[in-house]
N, C-alpha and C. Protein backbone atom coordinates (compact mmCIF):
# COMPACT_ATOMS: atom_id res chain seq x y z
N MET A 1 0.80 -1.26 -0.03
CA MET A 1 0.07 0.14 -0.33
C MET A 1 0.88 1.24 0.07
N LEU A 2 0.79 2.07 -0.85
CA LEU A 2 1.43 3.33 -0.86
C LEU A 2 1.26 4.29 0.36
N ALA A 3 0.30 4.43 1.06
CA ALA A 3 0.12 5.29 2.15
C ALA A 3 0.74 4.89 3.33
N ALA A 4 1.30 3.62 3.47
CA ALA A 4 1.90 2.99 4.56
C ALA A 4 3.20 3.69 4.77
N GLY A 5 3.29 4.24 6.04
CA GLY A 5 4.73 4.99 6.31
C GLY A 5 4.76 6.34 5.77
N ARG A 6 3.56 6.95 5.09
CA ARG A 6 3.37 8.20 4.62
C ARG A 6 3.19 9.08 5.40
N ARG A 7 3.80 10.40 5.82
CA ARG A 7 3.51 11.06 6.62
C ARG A 7 3.03 12.55 6.04
N VAL A 8 1.61 12.84 6.43
CA VAL A 8 1.03 13.97 5.82
C VAL A 8 0.52 14.91 6.95
N ALA A 9 0.99 16.21 7.02
CA ALA A 9 0.43 17.39 7.61
C ALA A 9 -0.47 17.87 7.04
N CYS A 10 -1.78 17.78 7.87
CA CYS A 10 -3.14 18.37 7.22
C CYS A 10 -3.40 19.52 7.75
N ALA A 11 -3.39 20.74 6.98
CA ALA A 11 -4.02 21.78 7.56
C ALA A 11 -5.47 21.91 8.14
N VAL A 12 -5.58 21.99 9.51
CA VAL A 12 -6.96 21.83 9.99
C VAL A 12 -7.32 23.37 10.45
N SER A 13 -8.67 23.63 9.97
CA SER A 13 -9.12 24.97 10.13
C SER A 13 -10.09 24.90 11.23
N GLY A 14 -10.57 23.95 11.62
CA GLY A 14 -11.82 23.67 12.58
C GLY A 14 -13.14 23.66 11.81
N GLY A 15 -13.01 23.74 10.14
CA GLY A 15 -14.18 23.55 9.75
C GLY A 15 -14.26 22.12 9.00
N VAL A 16 -15.38 21.94 8.44
CA VAL A 16 -15.70 20.62 7.98
C VAL A 16 -14.78 19.90 6.78
N ASP A 17 -14.46 20.86 5.84
CA ASP A 17 -13.60 20.51 4.89
C ASP A 17 -12.15 19.72 5.20
N SER A 18 -11.46 20.61 5.92
CA SER A 18 -10.36 19.92 6.58
C SER A 18 -10.27 18.90 7.61
N ALA A 19 -11.47 18.63 8.27
CA ALA A 19 -11.89 17.38 9.04
C ALA A 19 -11.99 16.38 8.25
N VAL A 20 -12.60 16.49 7.21
CA VAL A 20 -13.03 15.36 6.38
C VAL A 20 -11.70 15.02 5.72
N ALA A 21 -10.87 15.96 5.17
CA ALA A 21 -9.60 15.63 4.57
C ALA A 21 -8.74 14.62 5.57
N ALA A 22 -8.60 15.21 6.72
CA ALA A 22 -7.96 14.47 7.80
C ALA A 22 -8.29 13.21 7.82
N LEU A 23 -9.54 13.04 7.93
CA LEU A 23 -10.38 11.60 8.45
C LEU A 23 -10.04 10.61 7.17
N LEU A 24 -10.47 11.16 5.92
CA LEU A 24 -9.86 10.31 4.78
C LEU A 24 -8.55 9.87 4.68
N LEU A 25 -7.64 10.73 4.76
CA LEU A 25 -6.10 10.32 5.04
C LEU A 25 -5.98 9.48 5.85
N ARG A 26 -6.44 9.52 7.05
CA ARG A 26 -6.21 8.53 8.10
C ARG A 26 -6.96 7.14 7.72
N ARG A 27 -7.98 7.11 7.35
CA ARG A 27 -8.61 6.11 6.74
C ARG A 27 -7.85 5.12 5.79
N ARG A 28 -7.19 6.12 4.93
CA ARG A 28 -6.28 5.27 3.73
C ARG A 28 -4.92 4.93 4.43
N GLY A 29 -4.70 5.14 5.61
CA GLY A 29 -3.32 4.52 6.20
C GLY A 29 -2.36 5.45 6.27
N TYR A 30 -2.38 6.88 5.99
CA TYR A 30 -1.48 7.87 6.17
C TYR A 30 -1.33 8.07 7.65
N GLN A 31 -0.18 8.56 7.95
CA GLN A 31 0.30 9.31 9.33
C GLN A 31 -0.16 10.51 9.25
N VAL A 32 -1.01 10.94 9.89
CA VAL A 32 -1.51 12.38 9.71
C VAL A 32 -1.40 12.92 10.95
N THR A 33 -0.72 14.32 10.78
CA THR A 33 -0.85 15.43 11.69
C THR A 33 -1.41 16.54 11.44
N GLY A 34 -2.41 17.28 12.47
CA GLY A 34 -3.29 18.22 12.09
C GLY A 34 -2.23 19.34 12.42
N VAL A 35 -2.50 20.57 11.57
CA VAL A 35 -1.82 21.69 11.82
C VAL A 35 -2.82 22.77 11.76
N PHE A 36 -2.96 23.68 12.64
CA PHE A 36 -3.70 24.92 12.58
C PHE A 36 -2.89 26.18 12.63
N MET A 37 -3.24 27.08 11.22
CA MET A 37 -2.35 27.95 11.21
C MET A 37 -3.06 29.22 11.46
N LYS A 38 -2.53 30.13 12.28
CA LYS A 38 -2.98 31.48 12.75
C LYS A 38 -2.37 32.40 11.87
N ASN A 39 -3.24 33.00 11.25
CA ASN A 39 -2.79 34.03 10.20
C ASN A 39 -3.18 35.43 10.46
N TRP A 40 -4.04 35.53 11.58
CA TRP A 40 -4.51 37.01 11.71
C TRP A 40 -4.54 37.19 13.18
N ASP A 41 -4.27 38.24 13.85
CA ASP A 41 -4.29 38.53 15.12
C ASP A 41 -5.60 39.42 15.60
N PRO A 42 -6.47 38.79 16.24
CA PRO A 42 -7.73 39.63 16.30
C PRO A 42 -7.51 40.63 17.52
N LEU A 43 -6.52 40.82 17.95
CA LEU A 43 -6.20 41.79 19.28
C LEU A 43 -6.80 42.96 19.16
N ASP A 44 -6.61 43.65 17.92
CA ASP A 44 -7.08 44.96 17.82
C ASP A 44 -8.49 45.06 17.10
N GLU A 45 -9.21 43.73 16.85
CA GLU A 45 -10.53 43.90 16.32
C GLU A 45 -11.58 44.13 17.02
N GLN A 46 -12.56 44.70 16.48
CA GLN A 46 -13.71 44.99 17.16
C GLN A 46 -14.89 44.20 16.91
N GLY A 47 -14.96 43.51 15.76
CA GLY A 47 -15.92 42.49 15.51
C GLY A 47 -15.83 41.25 16.03
N ALA A 48 -16.31 40.26 15.39
CA ALA A 48 -16.60 38.91 16.28
C ALA A 48 -15.49 38.32 15.28
N CYS A 49 -14.41 37.94 15.63
CA CYS A 49 -13.26 37.06 15.04
C CYS A 49 -13.33 35.78 15.78
N SER A 50 -13.44 34.71 15.09
CA SER A 50 -13.61 33.35 15.70
C SER A 50 -12.25 32.72 15.84
N ILE A 51 -11.29 33.09 15.56
CA ILE A 51 -9.75 32.50 15.50
C ILE A 51 -9.63 31.37 16.62
N ASP A 52 -9.85 31.94 17.91
CA ASP A 52 -9.68 31.01 18.91
C ASP A 52 -10.71 29.85 19.14
N ARG A 53 -11.84 30.15 18.66
CA ARG A 53 -13.03 29.00 18.72
C ARG A 53 -12.52 28.01 17.61
N ASP A 54 -11.95 28.60 16.26
CA ASP A 54 -11.66 27.94 15.07
C ASP A 54 -10.64 27.02 15.82
N CYS A 55 -9.53 27.41 16.38
CA CYS A 55 -8.57 26.71 16.93
C CYS A 55 -8.90 25.44 17.87
N GLU A 56 -9.67 25.70 18.74
CA GLU A 56 -10.20 24.93 19.64
C GLU A 56 -10.97 23.77 18.87
N ASP A 57 -11.88 24.03 17.90
CA ASP A 57 -12.46 23.19 17.11
C ASP A 57 -11.25 22.19 16.22
N ALA A 58 -10.28 22.75 15.68
CA ALA A 58 -9.41 22.16 15.06
C ALA A 58 -8.64 21.03 16.23
N TYR A 59 -8.60 21.58 17.45
CA TYR A 59 -7.94 20.65 18.34
C TYR A 59 -8.61 19.48 18.51
N ARG A 60 -10.25 19.69 18.79
CA ARG A 60 -11.08 18.61 19.09
C ARG A 60 -11.22 17.61 17.83
N VAL A 61 -11.10 18.16 16.77
CA VAL A 61 -11.10 17.17 15.41
C VAL A 61 -9.74 16.45 15.77
N CYS A 62 -8.72 16.80 16.07
CA CYS A 62 -7.68 16.04 16.10
C CYS A 62 -7.78 15.23 17.04
N GLN A 63 -8.35 15.55 18.20
CA GLN A 63 -8.48 14.61 19.27
C GLN A 63 -9.24 13.28 18.92
N LYS A 64 -10.44 13.53 18.47
CA LYS A 64 -11.34 12.60 18.10
C LYS A 64 -10.64 11.74 17.02
N LEU A 65 -10.08 12.10 16.03
CA LEU A 65 -9.41 11.52 15.14
C LEU A 65 -8.08 10.78 15.77
N ASP A 66 -7.64 10.99 16.75
CA ASP A 66 -6.45 10.50 17.42
C ASP A 66 -5.12 10.73 16.68
N ILE A 67 -4.96 12.03 16.17
CA ILE A 67 -3.71 12.41 15.33
C ILE A 67 -3.28 13.72 16.13
N PRO A 68 -1.91 13.84 16.34
CA PRO A 68 -1.26 14.97 16.85
C PRO A 68 -1.78 16.14 16.26
N PHE A 69 -1.79 17.16 17.31
CA PHE A 69 -2.04 18.55 16.75
C PHE A 69 -1.03 19.64 16.94
N HIS A 70 -0.71 20.52 16.10
CA HIS A 70 0.35 21.60 16.11
C HIS A 70 -0.50 22.62 15.82
N GLN A 71 0.00 24.12 16.49
CA GLN A 71 -0.22 25.21 16.08
C GLN A 71 0.78 26.10 15.52
N VAL A 72 0.57 26.79 14.43
CA VAL A 72 1.65 27.97 13.98
C VAL A 72 1.16 28.98 13.71
N SER A 73 1.99 29.86 14.06
CA SER A 73 1.44 31.21 13.82
C SER A 73 2.24 32.05 12.66
N TYR A 74 1.48 32.51 11.55
CA TYR A 74 1.93 33.49 10.82
C TYR A 74 1.33 34.74 10.44
N VAL A 75 0.87 35.11 11.66
CA VAL A 75 0.51 36.37 11.59
C VAL A 75 1.30 37.56 11.05
N LYS A 76 2.60 37.45 11.46
CA LYS A 76 3.60 38.66 10.74
C LYS A 76 3.58 38.40 9.27
N GLU A 77 3.89 37.14 9.00
CA GLU A 77 4.05 36.82 7.46
C GLU A 77 2.61 37.11 6.62
N TYR A 78 1.54 36.81 7.15
CA TYR A 78 0.25 37.21 6.75
C TYR A 78 0.03 38.73 6.30
N TRP A 79 0.40 39.46 7.45
CA TRP A 79 0.27 40.87 7.44
C TRP A 79 1.44 41.28 6.38
N ASN A 80 2.54 40.88 6.14
CA ASN A 80 3.63 41.43 5.38
C ASN A 80 3.45 41.02 4.06
N GLU A 81 2.98 39.90 3.64
CA GLU A 81 3.01 39.26 2.29
C GLU A 81 1.72 39.21 1.70
N VAL A 82 0.59 39.35 2.61
CA VAL A 82 -0.70 39.18 2.06
C VAL A 82 -1.41 40.35 2.28
N PHE A 83 -1.90 40.82 3.44
CA PHE A 83 -2.58 41.79 3.82
C PHE A 83 -2.03 43.22 3.12
N SER A 84 -0.76 43.52 3.42
CA SER A 84 -0.27 44.60 2.93
C SER A 84 -0.34 44.83 1.21
N ASP A 85 -0.21 43.56 0.65
CA ASP A 85 -0.48 43.57 -0.61
C ASP A 85 -1.57 43.84 -0.97
N LEU A 86 -2.60 43.50 -0.49
CA LEU A 86 -4.00 43.68 -0.49
C LEU A 86 -4.23 45.20 -0.40
N LEU A 87 -3.77 45.95 0.62
CA LEU A 87 -4.15 47.35 0.94
C LEU A 87 -3.40 48.11 -0.48
N LYS A 88 -2.35 47.70 -0.78
CA LYS A 88 -1.73 48.46 -2.17
C LYS A 88 -2.28 48.36 -3.50
N GLU A 89 -2.87 47.06 -3.32
CA GLU A 89 -3.92 46.90 -4.55
C GLU A 89 -5.23 47.75 -4.66
N TYR A 90 -5.69 47.71 -3.48
CA TYR A 90 -7.04 48.81 -3.43
C TYR A 90 -6.56 50.12 -3.79
N GLU A 91 -5.51 50.57 -3.11
CA GLU A 91 -5.10 51.95 -3.48
C GLU A 91 -4.91 52.34 -4.82
N LEU A 92 -4.47 51.30 -5.55
CA LEU A 92 -4.21 51.35 -6.98
C LEU A 92 -5.48 51.19 -7.69
N GLY A 93 -6.66 50.84 -7.07
CA GLY A 93 -7.88 50.77 -7.77
C GLY A 93 -8.06 49.38 -8.51
N ARG A 94 -7.41 48.57 -8.01
CA ARG A 94 -7.32 47.03 -8.45
C ARG A 94 -8.37 46.08 -7.50
N THR A 95 -8.77 45.20 -7.88
CA THR A 95 -9.56 44.08 -6.94
C THR A 95 -8.60 43.23 -6.70
N PRO A 96 -8.13 43.02 -5.54
CA PRO A 96 -6.96 41.88 -5.30
C PRO A 96 -7.67 40.52 -5.06
N ASN A 97 -6.99 39.30 -4.99
CA ASN A 97 -7.37 38.18 -4.63
C ASN A 97 -6.78 37.71 -3.42
N PRO A 98 -6.86 38.17 -1.97
CA PRO A 98 -5.77 37.69 -1.27
C PRO A 98 -5.75 36.16 -1.13
N ASP A 99 -6.60 35.32 -1.50
CA ASP A 99 -6.57 33.97 -1.24
C ASP A 99 -5.34 33.31 -2.00
N ILE A 100 -5.36 33.80 -3.34
CA ILE A 100 -4.12 33.30 -3.85
C ILE A 100 -2.83 33.93 -3.55
N VAL A 101 -2.71 34.85 -3.09
CA VAL A 101 -1.61 35.32 -2.41
C VAL A 101 -1.28 34.66 -1.13
N CYS A 102 -1.97 34.47 -0.55
CA CYS A 102 -2.13 33.60 0.89
C CYS A 102 -1.62 32.06 0.39
N ASN A 103 -2.23 31.54 -0.45
CA ASN A 103 -1.74 30.19 -1.07
C ASN A 103 -0.32 30.26 -1.24
N LYS A 104 0.01 31.29 -2.22
CA LYS A 104 1.48 31.28 -2.70
C LYS A 104 2.15 31.17 -1.36
N HIS A 105 2.17 32.32 -0.49
CA HIS A 105 3.26 32.76 0.55
C HIS A 105 2.98 31.72 1.66
N ILE A 106 1.88 31.66 2.13
CA ILE A 106 1.64 31.00 3.60
C ILE A 106 1.55 29.42 3.29
N LYS A 107 0.46 29.20 2.62
CA LYS A 107 0.17 27.41 2.56
C LYS A 107 1.34 26.81 1.72
N PHE A 108 1.59 27.27 0.38
CA PHE A 108 2.66 26.50 -0.36
C PHE A 108 4.11 26.92 0.14
N ASN A 109 4.12 27.73 1.09
CA ASN A 109 5.65 28.05 1.28
C ASN A 109 6.16 28.08 2.86
N TYR A 110 5.39 28.82 3.57
CA TYR A 110 5.64 28.64 5.21
C TYR A 110 5.21 27.19 5.54
N PHE A 111 3.99 27.05 5.20
CA PHE A 111 3.16 25.94 5.67
C PHE A 111 3.87 24.62 5.37
N LEU A 112 4.15 24.35 4.02
CA LEU A 112 4.95 23.27 3.55
C LEU A 112 6.17 23.14 3.97
N HIS A 113 7.16 24.28 4.24
CA HIS A 113 8.35 24.00 4.78
C HIS A 113 8.33 23.81 6.20
N TYR A 114 7.40 24.17 7.07
CA TYR A 114 7.43 23.95 8.26
C TYR A 114 7.05 22.20 8.34
N ALA A 115 5.89 21.93 7.43
CA ALA A 115 5.58 20.51 7.62
C ALA A 115 6.53 19.66 7.23
N MET A 116 7.52 19.70 6.38
CA MET A 116 8.67 18.83 5.81
C MET A 116 9.78 18.94 6.80
N ASP A 117 10.05 20.33 7.40
CA ASP A 117 11.28 20.51 8.15
C ASP A 117 11.03 20.06 9.53
N ASN A 118 9.89 20.37 10.14
CA ASN A 118 9.77 20.28 11.47
C ASN A 118 8.93 19.05 11.90
N LEU A 119 7.96 18.76 10.87
CA LEU A 119 7.18 17.46 11.36
C LEU A 119 7.58 16.19 10.51
N GLY A 120 8.70 16.35 9.52
CA GLY A 120 8.96 15.20 8.76
C GLY A 120 7.97 14.61 7.83
N ALA A 121 7.07 15.53 7.44
CA ALA A 121 6.04 15.16 6.44
C ALA A 121 6.50 14.76 5.20
N ASP A 122 5.94 13.92 4.36
CA ASP A 122 6.26 14.06 2.95
C ASP A 122 5.33 14.59 2.04
N ALA A 123 4.24 15.20 2.67
CA ALA A 123 3.27 16.05 1.70
C ALA A 123 2.24 16.61 2.65
N ILE A 124 1.54 17.80 2.41
CA ILE A 124 0.70 18.47 3.03
C ILE A 124 -0.87 18.14 2.34
N ALA A 125 -1.71 18.53 3.10
CA ALA A 125 -2.99 18.32 2.70
C ALA A 125 -4.05 19.41 3.21
N THR A 126 -5.09 19.75 2.50
CA THR A 126 -6.20 20.87 3.01
C THR A 126 -7.36 20.23 2.80
N GLY A 127 -8.49 20.86 2.98
CA GLY A 127 -9.71 20.51 2.74
C GLY A 127 -9.95 21.08 1.26
N HIS A 128 -8.97 21.89 0.64
CA HIS A 128 -9.58 22.69 -0.44
C HIS A 128 -8.49 22.12 -1.74
N TYR A 129 -9.02 22.44 -2.75
CA TYR A 129 -8.16 22.16 -4.00
C TYR A 129 -7.92 20.44 -4.34
N ALA A 130 -9.14 20.04 -3.89
CA ALA A 130 -9.13 18.44 -4.12
C ALA A 130 -8.65 17.73 -5.50
N ARG A 131 -8.09 16.81 -5.54
CA ARG A 131 -7.88 16.09 -6.83
C ARG A 131 -8.44 14.94 -6.92
N THR A 132 -8.67 14.39 -8.24
CA THR A 132 -9.30 13.16 -8.22
C THR A 132 -8.66 12.43 -9.10
N SER A 133 -8.65 10.98 -8.79
CA SER A 133 -7.86 9.95 -9.50
C SER A 133 -8.49 8.58 -9.11
N LEU A 134 -8.34 7.36 -9.87
CA LEU A 134 -8.65 6.16 -9.38
C LEU A 134 -7.75 5.62 -8.34
N GLU A 135 -6.66 5.83 -8.05
CA GLU A 135 -5.71 5.16 -7.13
C GLU A 135 -4.70 6.27 -6.73
N ASP A 136 -4.20 6.21 -5.50
CA ASP A 136 -3.26 7.03 -4.99
C ASP A 136 -2.19 7.25 -5.70
N GLU A 137 -1.56 6.10 -6.34
CA GLU A 137 -0.35 6.24 -7.25
C GLU A 137 -0.54 7.32 -8.36
N GLU A 138 -1.83 7.45 -8.93
CA GLU A 138 -1.93 8.22 -10.07
C GLU A 138 -1.86 9.65 -9.71
N VAL A 139 -2.38 10.06 -8.53
CA VAL A 139 -2.05 11.13 -8.09
C VAL A 139 -0.53 11.98 -8.29
N PHE A 140 0.13 11.04 -7.75
CA PHE A 140 1.49 11.65 -8.11
C PHE A 140 2.31 11.27 -9.50
N GLN A 141 1.54 10.83 -10.26
CA GLN A 141 1.99 10.35 -11.67
C GLN A 141 1.47 10.94 -12.67
N GLN A 142 0.45 11.99 -12.42
CA GLN A 142 -0.39 12.66 -13.33
C GLN A 142 0.45 13.60 -14.27
N LYS A 143 0.23 13.56 -15.45
CA LYS A 143 0.96 14.51 -16.41
C LYS A 143 0.07 15.79 -16.64
N HIS A 144 0.67 16.91 -16.73
CA HIS A 144 0.16 18.12 -17.12
C HIS A 144 -0.77 18.15 -18.28
N ILE A 145 -2.01 18.57 -18.10
CA ILE A 145 -2.75 18.68 -19.36
C ILE A 145 -3.17 20.05 -19.68
N LYS A 146 -2.82 20.65 -20.77
CA LYS A 146 -3.00 21.95 -20.92
C LYS A 146 -4.58 22.25 -20.82
N ARG A 147 -4.69 23.43 -20.27
CA ARG A 147 -6.07 23.89 -19.97
C ARG A 147 -6.49 24.68 -21.34
N PRO A 148 -8.04 24.76 -21.35
CA PRO A 148 -8.66 25.35 -22.53
C PRO A 148 -8.44 26.92 -22.32
N GLN A 149 -8.24 27.66 -23.23
CA GLN A 149 -8.01 29.00 -23.45
C GLN A 149 -9.23 29.96 -23.01
N ARG A 150 -10.36 29.21 -23.03
CA ARG A 150 -11.78 29.97 -22.85
C ARG A 150 -11.86 30.84 -21.68
N LEU A 151 -12.51 31.87 -21.53
CA LEU A 151 -12.76 32.49 -20.28
C LEU A 151 -13.41 31.79 -19.32
N PHE A 152 -14.46 31.06 -19.79
CA PHE A 152 -15.29 30.06 -18.43
C PHE A 152 -14.67 28.56 -19.01
N ARG A 153 -14.33 27.82 -18.18
CA ARG A 153 -13.96 26.46 -18.39
C ARG A 153 -14.53 25.84 -17.33
N ASN A 154 -14.54 24.32 -17.63
CA ASN A 154 -15.20 23.19 -16.76
C ASN A 154 -13.90 23.04 -15.88
N ARG A 155 -14.09 23.14 -14.52
CA ARG A 155 -12.98 22.99 -13.46
C ARG A 155 -12.58 21.58 -13.12
N PHE A 156 -13.51 20.53 -13.81
CA PHE A 156 -13.25 19.10 -13.41
C PHE A 156 -12.68 18.53 -14.56
N GLU A 157 -11.75 17.60 -14.44
CA GLU A 157 -11.03 16.78 -15.66
C GLU A 157 -11.52 15.35 -15.40
N VAL A 158 -12.06 14.72 -16.33
CA VAL A 158 -12.51 13.41 -16.37
C VAL A 158 -11.28 12.56 -16.82
N ARG A 159 -10.65 11.67 -16.10
CA ARG A 159 -9.75 10.85 -16.30
C ARG A 159 -9.72 9.37 -16.10
N ASN A 160 -10.98 9.08 -15.24
CA ASN A 160 -11.17 7.66 -14.96
C ASN A 160 -12.76 7.56 -14.90
N SER A 161 -13.25 6.44 -15.03
CA SER A 161 -14.73 6.26 -14.80
C SER A 161 -15.18 6.13 -13.38
N LYS A 162 -14.18 5.74 -12.42
CA LYS A 162 -14.37 5.62 -10.99
C LYS A 162 -13.53 6.86 -10.27
N TRP A 163 -14.15 7.59 -9.48
CA TRP A 163 -13.58 8.75 -8.85
C TRP A 163 -13.39 8.58 -7.15
N PHE A 164 -12.12 9.24 -6.81
CA PHE A 164 -11.91 9.07 -5.29
C PHE A 164 -11.50 10.42 -5.00
N LEU A 165 -11.84 11.16 -3.74
CA LEU A 165 -11.43 12.31 -3.56
C LEU A 165 -10.08 12.35 -2.72
N HIS A 166 -9.00 12.92 -3.32
CA HIS A 166 -7.82 13.01 -2.70
C HIS A 166 -7.36 14.62 -2.48
N CYS A 167 -7.24 14.77 -1.19
CA CYS A 167 -7.09 16.15 -0.61
C CYS A 167 -5.72 16.43 -0.20
N ILE A 168 -4.75 16.16 -1.10
CA ILE A 168 -3.20 16.01 -0.74
C ILE A 168 -2.31 16.71 -1.58
N PHE A 169 -1.34 17.41 -1.39
CA PHE A 169 -0.51 17.99 -1.99
C PHE A 169 1.04 17.53 -1.87
N HIS A 170 1.60 16.95 -2.81
CA HIS A 170 2.95 16.61 -2.60
C HIS A 170 3.95 17.54 -3.34
N PRO A 171 4.93 17.83 -2.62
CA PRO A 171 5.95 18.88 -3.11
C PRO A 171 6.27 18.78 -4.60
N GLY A 172 6.22 17.59 -5.34
CA GLY A 172 6.56 17.39 -6.68
C GLY A 172 5.47 17.47 -7.63
N CYS A 173 4.09 17.57 -6.98
CA CYS A 173 2.87 17.54 -8.06
C CYS A 173 2.69 18.71 -8.43
N GLU A 174 1.65 18.55 -9.82
CA GLU A 174 1.41 20.15 -10.38
C GLU A 174 0.11 20.35 -9.51
N ARG A 175 0.20 21.78 -9.31
CA ARG A 175 -0.92 22.53 -8.65
C ARG A 175 -1.24 23.82 -8.92
N GLU A 176 -2.42 24.31 -8.93
CA GLU A 176 -2.61 25.87 -9.42
C GLU A 176 -2.30 26.71 -8.24
N ILE A 177 -1.50 27.74 -8.10
CA ILE A 177 -1.46 28.62 -7.05
C ILE A 177 -1.94 30.09 -7.61
């Protein structure tokens, strides 16, 4: 089995998507560690920020799944590399997409390196950006398929008649950032 011995750091947010991703990975035999990323400091906020409740929910998910739980803070990195960029773009009259910038700098840079360097992970996973394939091996063997140049395109690619959901990113796989 490919999963045996493979360590995966799963970003757990306290939400359903990441909890299901961690559960599916664990059921498939991966050694899963849950990691909660704190990207915002609600200290000066006046609204209702649920970061502490989200962290508690993520911790409870990991307890229920009997997987290790870690918390990391990327508050400074998020402010400097994502939020400041958002403000600059607004000042220039543009409509930024902070999620894409966050994925690039936080999820697929800081989190990926933390998972590999500190947790010994072979891969990272989230509840987002799922891939589909017939078997685990195919996720890591897929070839790049040129996407249509139309304005709107179908976001799903049919590769097999049977589908399995994989919520895993491997450092060497193709991914859209």
